[in-house]
C-alpha atoms as a PDB file:
ATOM      1  CA  MET A   1     -44.034  33.613  21.205  1.00  0.00           C
ATOM      2  CA  ILE A   2     -44.120  37.408  21.107  1.00  0.00           C
ATOM      3  CA  SER A   3     -46.301  37.565  24.214  1.00  0.00           C
ATOM      4  CA  ILE A   4     -43.922  35.271  26.092  1.00  0.00           C
ATOM      5  CA  ASN A   5     -40.925  37.402  25.156  1.00  0.00           C
ATOM      6  CA  LEU A   6     -42.705  40.560  26.260  1.00  0.00           C
ATOM      7  CA  VAL A   7     -43.553  38.978  29.608  1.00  0.00           C
ATOM      8  CA  ASN A   8     -39.988  37.757  30.065  1.00  0.00           C
ATOM      9  CA  ASN A   9     -38.590  41.194  29.233  1.00  0.00           C
ATOM     10  CA  ALA A  10     -40.966  42.839  31.697  1.00  0.00           C
ATOM     11  CA  ASN A  11     -39.942  40.363  34.389  1.00  0.00           C
ATOM     12  CA  MET A  12     -36.269  41.048  33.679  1.00  0.00           C
ATOM     13  CA  GLN A  13     -36.830  44.786  33.995  1.00  0.00           C
ATOM     14  CA  TRP A  14     -38.727  44.272  37.270  1.00  0.00           C
ATOM     15  CA  ASP A  15     -35.928  42.066  38.617  1.00  0.00           C
ATOM     16  CA  ARG A  16     -33.298  44.697  37.776  1.00  0.00           C
ATOM     17  CA  CYS A  17     -35.259  47.458  39.464  1.00  0.00           C
ATOM     18  CA  SER A  18     -35.781  45.205  42.472  1.00  0.00           C
ATOM     19  CA  CYS A  19     -32.043  44.582  42.660  1.00  0.00           C
ATOM     20  CA  ASN A  20     -31.396  48.326  42.545  1.00  0.00           C
ATOM     21  CA  ARG A  21     -33.838  48.887  45.399  1.00  0.00           C
ATOM     22  CA  MET A  22     -32.323  45.991  47.373  1.00  0.00           C
ATOM     23  CA  PHE A  23     -28.843  47.488  46.948  1.00  0.00           C
ATOM     24  CA  THR A  24     -30.050  50.861  48.234  1.00  0.00           C
ATOM     25  CA  GLY A  25     -32.007  49.192  51.033  1.00  0.00           C
ATOM     26  CA  ASP A  26     -28.940  47.239  52.153  1.00  0.00           C
ATOM     27  CA  PHE A  27     -26.907  50.420  52.262  1.00  0.00           C
ATOM     28  CA  ILE A  28     -29.572  52.230  54.292  1.00  0.00           C
ATOM     29  CA  ALA A  29     -29.817  49.298  56.722  1.00  0.00           C
ATOM     30  CA  PHE A  30     -26.033  49.231  57.134  1.00  0.00           C
ATOM     31  CA  SER A  31     -25.862  52.994  57.705  1.00  0.00           C
ATOM     32  CA  SER A  32     -28.734  52.823  60.182  1.00  0.00           C
ATOM     33  CA  SER A  33     -26.894  50.111  62.095  1.00  0.00           C
ATOM     34  CA  LEU A  34     -23.787  52.279  62.315  1.00  0.00           C
ATOM     35  CA  PHE A  35     -25.960  55.154  63.497  1.00  0.00           C
ATOM     36  CA  ALA A  36     -27.557  52.998  66.201  1.00  0.00           C
ATOM     37  CA  ILE A  37     -24.157  51.762  67.379  1.00  0.00           C
ATOM     38  CA  ALA A  38     -22.835  55.316  67.567  1.00  0.00           C
ATOM     39  CA  ILE A  39     -25.915  56.457  69.524  1.00  0.00           C
ATOM     40  CA  GLY A  40     -25.489  53.562  71.928  1.00  0.00           C
ATOM     41  CA  LYS A  41     -21.819  54.281  72.441  1.00  0.00           C
ATOM     42  CA  LEU A  42     -22.425  57.976  72.978  1.00  0.00           C
ATOM     43  CA  TYR A  43     -25.565  57.985  75.106  1.00  0.00           C
ATOM     44  CA  ILE A  44     -26.469  54.529  76.404  1.00  0.00           C
ATOM     45  CA  ILE A  45     -23.240  52.786  77.366  1.00  0.00           C
ATOM     46  CA  PRO A  46     -21.794  55.658  79.460  1.00  0.00           C
ATOM     47  CA  ILE A  47     -24.964  55.906  81.625  1.00  0.00           C
ATOM     48  CA  GLY A  48     -24.754  54.195  85.030  1.00  0.00           C
ATOM     49  CA  ILE A  49     -27.513  52.965  87.351  1.00  0.00           C
ATOM     50  CA  SER A  50     -27.871  56.409  88.916  1.00  0.00           C
ATOM     51  CA  GLY A  51     -28.597  57.963  85.511  1.00  0.00           C
ATOM     52  CA  ARG A  52     -25.327  59.887  85.534  1.00  0.00           C
ATOM     53  CA  PRO A  53     -22.437  59.165  83.208  1.00  0.00           C
ATOM     54  CA  ALA A  54     -20.474  56.227  84.615  1.00  0.00           C
ATOM     55  CA  MET A  55     -17.398  57.068  82.522  1.00  0.00           C
ATOM     56  CA  PRO A  56     -17.585  60.731  81.516  1.00  0.00           C
ATOM     57  CA  TYR A  57     -15.808  61.554  78.261  1.00  0.00           C
ATOM     58  CA  PRO A  58     -13.700  64.659  77.707  1.00  0.00           C
ATOM     59  CA  ASP A  59     -15.332  67.383  75.633  1.00  0.00           C
ATOM     60  CA  PHE A  60     -13.196  66.704  72.574  1.00  0.00           C
ATOM     61  CA  VAL A  61     -14.283  63.039  72.537  1.00  0.00           C
ATOM     62  CA  TYR A  62     -17.931  64.091  72.600  1.00  0.00           C
ATOM     63  CA  PHE A  63     -17.157  66.507  69.773  1.00  0.00           C
ATOM     64  CA  ILE A  64     -15.665  63.668  67.716  1.00  0.00           C
ATOM     65  CA  HIS A  65     -18.691  61.456  68.415  1.00  0.00           C
ATOM     66  CA  VAL A  66     -21.157  64.143  67.429  1.00  0.00           C
ATOM     67  CA  THR A  67     -19.176  64.868  64.257  1.00  0.00           C
ATOM     68  CA  VAL A  68     -19.234  61.192  63.299  1.00  0.00           C
ATOM     69  CA  LEU A  69     -22.972  61.028  63.964  1.00  0.00           C
ATOM     70  CA  LEU A  70     -23.610  64.054  61.773  1.00  0.00           C
ATOM     71  CA  LEU A  71     -21.514  62.548  58.982  1.00  0.00           C
ATOM     72  CA  ILE A  72     -23.441  59.279  59.178  1.00  0.00           C
ATOM     73  CA  ILE A  73     -26.756  61.130  59.143  1.00  0.00           C
ATOM     74  CA  GLY A  74     -25.630  63.269  56.188  1.00  0.00           C
ATOM     75  CA  VAL A  75     -24.476  60.288  54.123  1.00  0.00           C
ATOM     76  CA  LEU A  76     -27.621  58.328  54.953  1.00  0.00           C
ATOM     77  CA  LEU A  77     -29.924  61.198  54.014  1.00  0.00           C
ATOM     78  CA  SER A  78     -28.040  61.868  50.774  1.00  0.00           C
ATOM     79  CA  TYR A  79     -28.569  58.288  49.600  1.00  0.00           C
ATOM     80  CA  VAL A  80     -32.207  58.197  50.706  1.00  0.00           C
ATOM     81  CA  ILE A  81     -33.000  61.462  48.906  1.00  0.00           C
ATOM     82  CA  THR A  82     -31.130  60.335  45.788  1.00  0.00           C
ATOM     83  CA  GLY A  83     -33.053  57.066  45.731  1.00  0.00           C
ATOM     84  CA  TYR A  84     -36.397  58.870  45.868  1.00  0.00           C
ATOM     85  CA  LEU A  85     -35.555  61.636  43.368  1.00  0.00           C
ATOM     86  CA  GLY A  86     -33.975  59.424  40.754  1.00  0.00           C
ATOM     87  CA  ALA A  87     -32.272  56.115  40.204  1.00  0.00           C
ATOM     88  CA  PRO A  88     -30.498  54.658  43.253  1.00  0.00           C
ATOM     89  CA  TYR A  89     -26.729  54.567  43.038  1.00  0.00           C
ATOM     90  CA  VAL A  90     -25.542  51.264  41.605  1.00  0.00           C
ATOM     91  CA  PRO A  91     -21.895  51.188  40.404  1.00  0.00           C
ATOM     92  CA  THR A  92     -21.572  50.264  36.743  1.00  0.00           C
ATOM     93  CA  ALA A  93     -19.554  47.090  36.225  1.00  0.00           C
ATOM     94  CA  SER A  94     -16.149  47.601  34.602  1.00  0.00           C
ATOM     95  CA  ASP A  95     -16.971  45.453  31.573  1.00  0.00           C
ATOM     96  CA  ARG A  96     -20.097  47.487  30.923  1.00  0.00           C
ATOM     97  CA  VAL A  97     -18.187  50.743  31.168  1.00  0.00           C
ATOM     98  CA  ILE A  98     -15.828  49.417  28.497  1.00  0.00           C
ATOM     99  CA  ASP A  99     -18.762  48.325  26.327  1.00  0.00           C
ATOM    100  CA  MET A 100     -20.478  51.709  26.712  1.00  0.00           C
ATOM    101  CA  VAL A 101     -17.368  53.553  25.558  1.00  0.00           C
ATOM    102  CA  ARG A 102     -16.808  51.146  22.673  1.00  0.00           C
ATOM    103  CA  LEU A 103     -20.423  51.251  21.507  1.00  0.00           C
ATOM    104  CA  ALA A 104     -20.538  55.053  21.812  1.00  0.00           C
ATOM    105  CA  ASP A 105     -17.654  55.367  19.341  1.00  0.00           C
ATOM    106  CA  VAL A 106     -16.217  58.371  21.186  1.00  0.00           C
ATOM    107  CA  ARG A 107     -14.744  61.037  18.940  1.00  0.00           C
ATOM    108  CA  PRO A 108     -11.885  63.235  20.149  1.00  0.00           C
ATOM    109  CA  GLY A 109     -13.003  66.624  21.393  1.00  0.00           C
ATOM    110  CA  GLU A 110     -16.764  66.024  21.223  1.00  0.00           C
ATOM    111  CA  LEU A 111     -18.943  67.143  24.123  1.00  0.00           C
ATOM    112  CA  ALA A 112     -20.453  64.291  26.137  1.00  0.00           C
ATOM    113  CA  VAL A 113     -22.541  64.052  29.288  1.00  0.00           C
ATOM    114  CA  ASP A 114     -23.298  61.298  31.788  1.00  0.00           C
ATOM    115  CA  LEU A 115     -26.741  61.624  33.419  1.00  0.00           C
ATOM    116  CA  GLY A 116     -26.583  60.563  37.045  1.00  0.00           C
ATOM    117  CA  SER A 117     -22.803  60.233  37.047  1.00  0.00           C
ATOM    118  CA  GLY A 118     -22.434  58.537  40.450  1.00  0.00           C
ATOM    119  CA  ASP A 119     -18.791  58.006  41.351  1.00  0.00           C
ATOM    120  CA  GLY A 120     -17.634  59.341  37.985  1.00  0.00           C
ATOM    121  CA  ARG A 121     -16.364  56.129  36.437  1.00  0.00           C
ATOM    122  CA  ILE A 122     -18.212  56.606  33.127  1.00  0.00           C
ATOM    123  CA  VAL A 123     -17.213  60.283  32.992  1.00  0.00           C
ATOM    124  CA  ILE A 124     -13.578  59.278  33.492  1.00  0.00           C
ATOM    125  CA  ALA A 125     -13.758  56.536  30.854  1.00  0.00           C
ATOM    126  CA  LEU A 126     -15.266  58.885  28.266  1.00  0.00           C
ATOM    127  CA  ALA A 127     -12.668  61.556  29.066  1.00  0.00           C
ATOM    128  CA  LYS A 128      -9.840  59.053  28.637  1.00  0.00           C
ATOM    129  CA  ALA A 129     -11.335  58.142  25.266  1.00  0.00           C
ATOM    130  CA  GLY A 130     -10.918  61.773  24.175  1.00  0.00           C
ATOM    131  CA  ALA A 131     -14.252  63.444  24.848  1.00  0.00           C
ATOM    132  CA  GLU A 132     -14.914  66.550  26.921  1.00  0.00           C
ATOM    133  CA  VAL A 133     -17.340  65.222  29.519  1.00  0.00           C
ATOM    134  CA  HIS A 134     -19.826  66.677  31.977  1.00  0.00           C
ATOM    135  CA  GLY A 135     -21.588  64.700  34.678  1.00  0.00           C
ATOM    136  CA  TYR A 136     -24.803  65.516  36.555  1.00  0.00           C
ATOM    137  CA  GLU A 137     -25.258  64.093  40.056  1.00  0.00           C
ATOM    138  CA  ILE A 138     -27.522  65.119  42.963  1.00  0.00           C
ATOM    139  CA  ASN A 139     -25.789  63.128  45.701  1.00  0.00           C
ATOM    140  CA  PRO A 140     -23.175  65.486  47.251  1.00  0.00           C
ATOM    141  CA  VAL A 141     -21.132  62.595  48.651  1.00  0.00           C
ATOM    142  CA  LEU A 142     -20.802  61.055  45.198  1.00  0.00           C
ATOM    143  CA  VAL A 143     -20.060  64.452  43.660  1.00  0.00           C
ATOM    144  CA  LEU A 144     -17.092  64.942  45.981  1.00  0.00           C
ATOM    145  CA  TRP A 145     -15.863  61.390  45.431  1.00  0.00           C
ATOM    146  CA  ALA A 146     -16.206  61.686  41.653  1.00  0.00           C
ATOM    147  CA  ARG A 147     -14.308  64.975  41.598  1.00  0.00           C
ATOM    148  CA  PHE A 148     -11.514  63.370  43.627  1.00  0.00           C
ATOM    149  CA  ARG A 149     -11.373  60.406  41.255  1.00  0.00           C
ATOM    150  CA  ILE A 150     -11.225  62.741  38.256  1.00  0.00           C
ATOM    151  CA  TYR A 151      -8.301  64.578  39.858  1.00  0.00           C
ATOM    152  CA  ARG A 152      -6.581  61.299  40.728  1.00  0.00           C
ATOM    153  CA  GLU A 153      -6.980  59.963  37.176  1.00  0.00           C
ATOM    154  CA  GLY A 154      -5.555  63.157  35.693  1.00  0.00           C
ATOM    155  CA  VAL A 155      -8.503  64.059  33.459  1.00  0.00           C
ATOM    156  CA  GLY A 156      -9.534  67.251  35.240  1.00  0.00           C
ATOM    157  CA  ASP A 157      -8.979  69.281  32.086  1.00  0.00           C
ATOM    158  CA  ARG A 158     -11.614  67.234  30.200  1.00  0.00           C
ATOM    159  CA  ALA A 159     -14.106  66.177  32.889  1.00  0.00           C
ATOM    160  CA  GLN A 160     -16.398  68.109  35.192  1.00  0.00           C
ATOM    161  CA  ILE A 161     -19.131  67.079  37.649  1.00  0.00           C
ATOM    162  CA  TYR A 162     -22.127  69.320  38.332  1.00  0.00           C
ATOM    163  CA  TRP A 163     -23.972  69.032  41.633  1.00  0.00           C
ATOM    164  CA  ARG A 164     -27.481  69.349  40.224  1.00  0.00           C
ATOM    165  CA  SER A 165     -30.268  67.373  38.588  1.00  0.00           C
ATOM    166  CA  PHE A 166     -30.070  66.827  34.849  1.00  0.00           C
ATOM    167  CA  TRP A 167     -33.856  67.190  34.530  1.00  0.00           C
ATOM    168  CA  GLY A 168     -33.531  70.966  34.516  1.00  0.00           C
ATOM    169  CA  ALA A 169     -30.485  71.020  32.244  1.00  0.00           C
ATOM    170  CA  ASP A 170     -30.525  71.730  28.512  1.00  0.00           C
ATOM    171  CA  LEU A 171     -28.997  68.654  26.862  1.00  0.00           C
ATOM    172  CA  SER A 172     -29.106  69.982  23.304  1.00  0.00           C
ATOM    173  CA  GLU A 173     -25.419  70.940  23.305  1.00  0.00           C
ATOM    174  CA  TYR A 174     -24.141  67.370  23.736  1.00  0.00           C
ATOM    175  CA  GLN A 175     -23.121  65.084  20.886  1.00  0.00           C
ATOM    176  CA  LEU A 176     -23.025  62.032  23.169  1.00  0.00           C
ATOM    177  CA  ILE A 177     -25.256  61.217  26.152  1.00  0.00           C
ATOM    178  CA  SER A 178     -24.850  58.244  28.487  1.00  0.00           C
ATOM    179  CA  ILE A 179     -27.332  57.071  31.095  1.00  0.00           C
ATOM    180  CA  TYR A 180     -27.662  54.250  33.629  1.00  0.00           C
ATOM    181  CA  GLY A 181     -31.121  54.897  34.984  1.00  0.00           C
ATOM    182  CA  ASN A 182     -34.006  52.656  35.936  1.00  0.00           C
ATOM    183  CA  HIS A 183     -37.152  51.360  34.294  1.00  0.00           C
ATOM    184  CA  GLN A 184     -39.460  53.967  35.840  1.00  0.00           C
ATOM    185  CA  MET A 185     -37.587  57.026  34.573  1.00  0.00           C
ATOM    186  CA  MET A 186     -36.971  55.992  30.962  1.00  0.00           C
ATOM    187  CA  LYS A 187     -40.302  57.160  29.518  1.00  0.00           C
ATOM    188  CA  ARG A 188     -39.924  60.623  31.072  1.00  0.00           C
ATOM    189  CA  LEU A 189     -36.330  60.831  29.849  1.00  0.00           C
ATOM    190  CA  GLU A 190     -37.429  59.716  26.388  1.00  0.00           C
ATOM    191  CA  GLU A 191     -39.846  62.641  26.217  1.00  0.00           C
ATOM    192  CA  LYS A 192     -37.174  65.102  27.369  1.00  0.00           C
ATOM    193  CA  LEU A 193     -34.596  63.837  24.880  1.00  0.00           C
ATOM    194  CA  TYR A 194     -37.073  63.825  22.003  1.00  0.00           C
ATOM    195  CA  HIS A 195     -37.205  67.614  22.306  1.00  0.00           C
ATOM    196  CA  GLU A 196     -33.567  68.221  23.279  1.00  0.00           C
ATOM    197  CA  LEU A 197     -31.390  65.610  21.588  1.00  0.00           C
ATOM    198  CA  ALA A 198     -29.197  67.344  19.017  1.00  0.00           C
ATOM    199  CA  PRO A 199     -29.197  66.261  15.344  1.00  0.00           C
ATOM    200  CA  ASN A 200     -26.801  63.346  14.751  1.00  0.00           C
ATOM    201  CA  ALA A 201     -26.249  62.965  18.515  1.00  0.00           C
ATOM    202  CA  ARG A 202     -25.734  59.492  20.005  1.00  0.00           C
ATOM    203  CA  LEU A 203     -27.343  58.108  23.115  1.00  0.00           C
ATOM    204  CA  VAL A 204     -26.037  55.150  25.124  1.00  0.00           C
ATOM    205  CA  SER A 205     -28.175  53.534  27.816  1.00  0.00           C
ATOM    206  CA  CYS A 206     -26.906  50.838  30.161  1.00  0.00           C
ATOM    207  CA  GLU A 207     -29.311  47.982  30.944  1.00  0.00           C
ATOM    208  CA  PHE A 208     -32.578  49.913  30.557  1.00  0.00           C
ATOM    209  CA  PRO A 209     -33.882  50.615  27.026  1.00  0.00           C
ATOM    210  CA  PHE A 210     -36.259  53.412  26.118  1.00  0.00           C
ATOM    211  CA  PRO A 211     -39.874  52.229  25.905  1.00  0.00           C
ATOM    212  CA  ARG A 212     -40.672  53.379  22.344  1.00  0.00           C
ATOM    213  CA  TRP A 213     -37.368  53.917  20.551  1.00  0.00           C
ATOM    214  CA  ARG A 214     -35.649  51.134  18.671  1.00  0.00           C
ATOM    215  CA  PRO A 215     -31.930  50.867  19.430  1.00  0.00           C
ATOM    216  CA  LEU A 216     -29.475  51.010  16.575  1.00  0.00           C
ATOM    217  CA  ARG A 217     -27.197  48.458  18.241  1.00  0.00           C
ATOM    218  CA  ILE A 218     -27.226  46.310  21.391  1.00  0.00           C
ATOM    219  CA  ALA A 219     -24.209  44.774  23.152  1.00  0.00           C
ATOM    220  CA  ASN A 220     -24.111  43.296  26.669  1.00  0.00           C
ATOM    221  CA  GLU A 221     -27.385  45.084  27.514  1.00  0.00           C
ATOM    222  CA  ILE A 222     -25.949  48.396  26.315  1.00  0.00           C
ATOM    223  CA  TYR A 223     -28.338  50.185  23.949  1.00  0.00           C
ATOM    224  CA  LEU A 224     -27.153  52.648  21.308  1.00  0.00           C
ATOM    225  CA  TYR A 225     -29.551  55.188  19.811  1.00  0.00           C
ATOM    226  CA  THR A 226     -28.920  57.984  17.346  1.00  0.00           C
ATOM    227  CA  ARG A 227     -30.836  60.837  15.752  1.00  0.00           C
ATOM    228  CA  VAL A 228     -30.345  61.255  12.023  1.00  0.00           C
ATOM    229  CA  GLY A 229     -30.671  64.932  11.210  1.00  0.00           C
ATOM    230  CA  ARG A 230     -33.829  66.117  12.955  1.00  0.00           C
ATOM    231  CA  GLN A 231     -35.705  62.852  12.555  1.00  0.00           C
ATOM    232  CA  PRO A 232     -36.795  60.906  15.664  1.00  0.00           C
ATOM    233  CA  VAL A 233     -34.265  58.543  17.183  1.00  0.00           C
ATOM    234  CA  ALA A 234     -33.730  55.348  15.170  1.00  0.00           C
ATOM    235  CA  GLY A 235     -36.699  56.178  12.948  1.00  0.00           C
ATOM    236  CA  GLU A 236     -39.276  55.716  15.701  1.00  0.00           C
ATOM    237  CA  GLY A 237     -42.486  57.768  15.769  1.00  0.00           C
ATOM    238  CA  LYS A 238     -43.257  60.723  17.955  1.00  0.00           C
ATOM    239  CA  VAL A 239     -43.516  60.356  21.717  1.00  0.00           C
END
């Protein structure tokens, strides 16, 4: 029975990672299609039989086309690079955001961080619950969008997004850490947090558990971990 459960859990993790890759792949395919259409409109369609432009565009129209192409290329590259350097961007469902905040038991004024903050929805939710929240994100498009959403939601005094990777950040100052990663990165993150997680800090992971730590609580595939004093998380042994 134990072996069957382990196999089923492994298959579930593989399916989730596959879904994440499929989501990123669909986005890349869609962006590539837009890029191809723009190239065709700019360079192929206007060319006549003689090889000269059949319907020459004014300079400002060409400028607009080139600007759009550069924007498409920039967005496409940002998502591709993000997918290779870390977890691909997958928006967290609203019910899971609510469960993460509830399970985290946010305390007013405590310092929290969301690792790989995406569009900022978890950062915003934690800030509305009373925490002072930082987010780390390497995708510049998502950083700009998250900062706009924070401004729009009126939590700019309690929420901040950093355009950088959290791997080089010192996480020891945070009392609450949230993460929606992927299966491949959890062991490396476990090793980092073993050395940096502050005493009595809480750790909330959406969908993907840590490989060796036992969660304190589980709800809707949200995993809560905590460090009691300077002991390993949830009483688990050393990494």
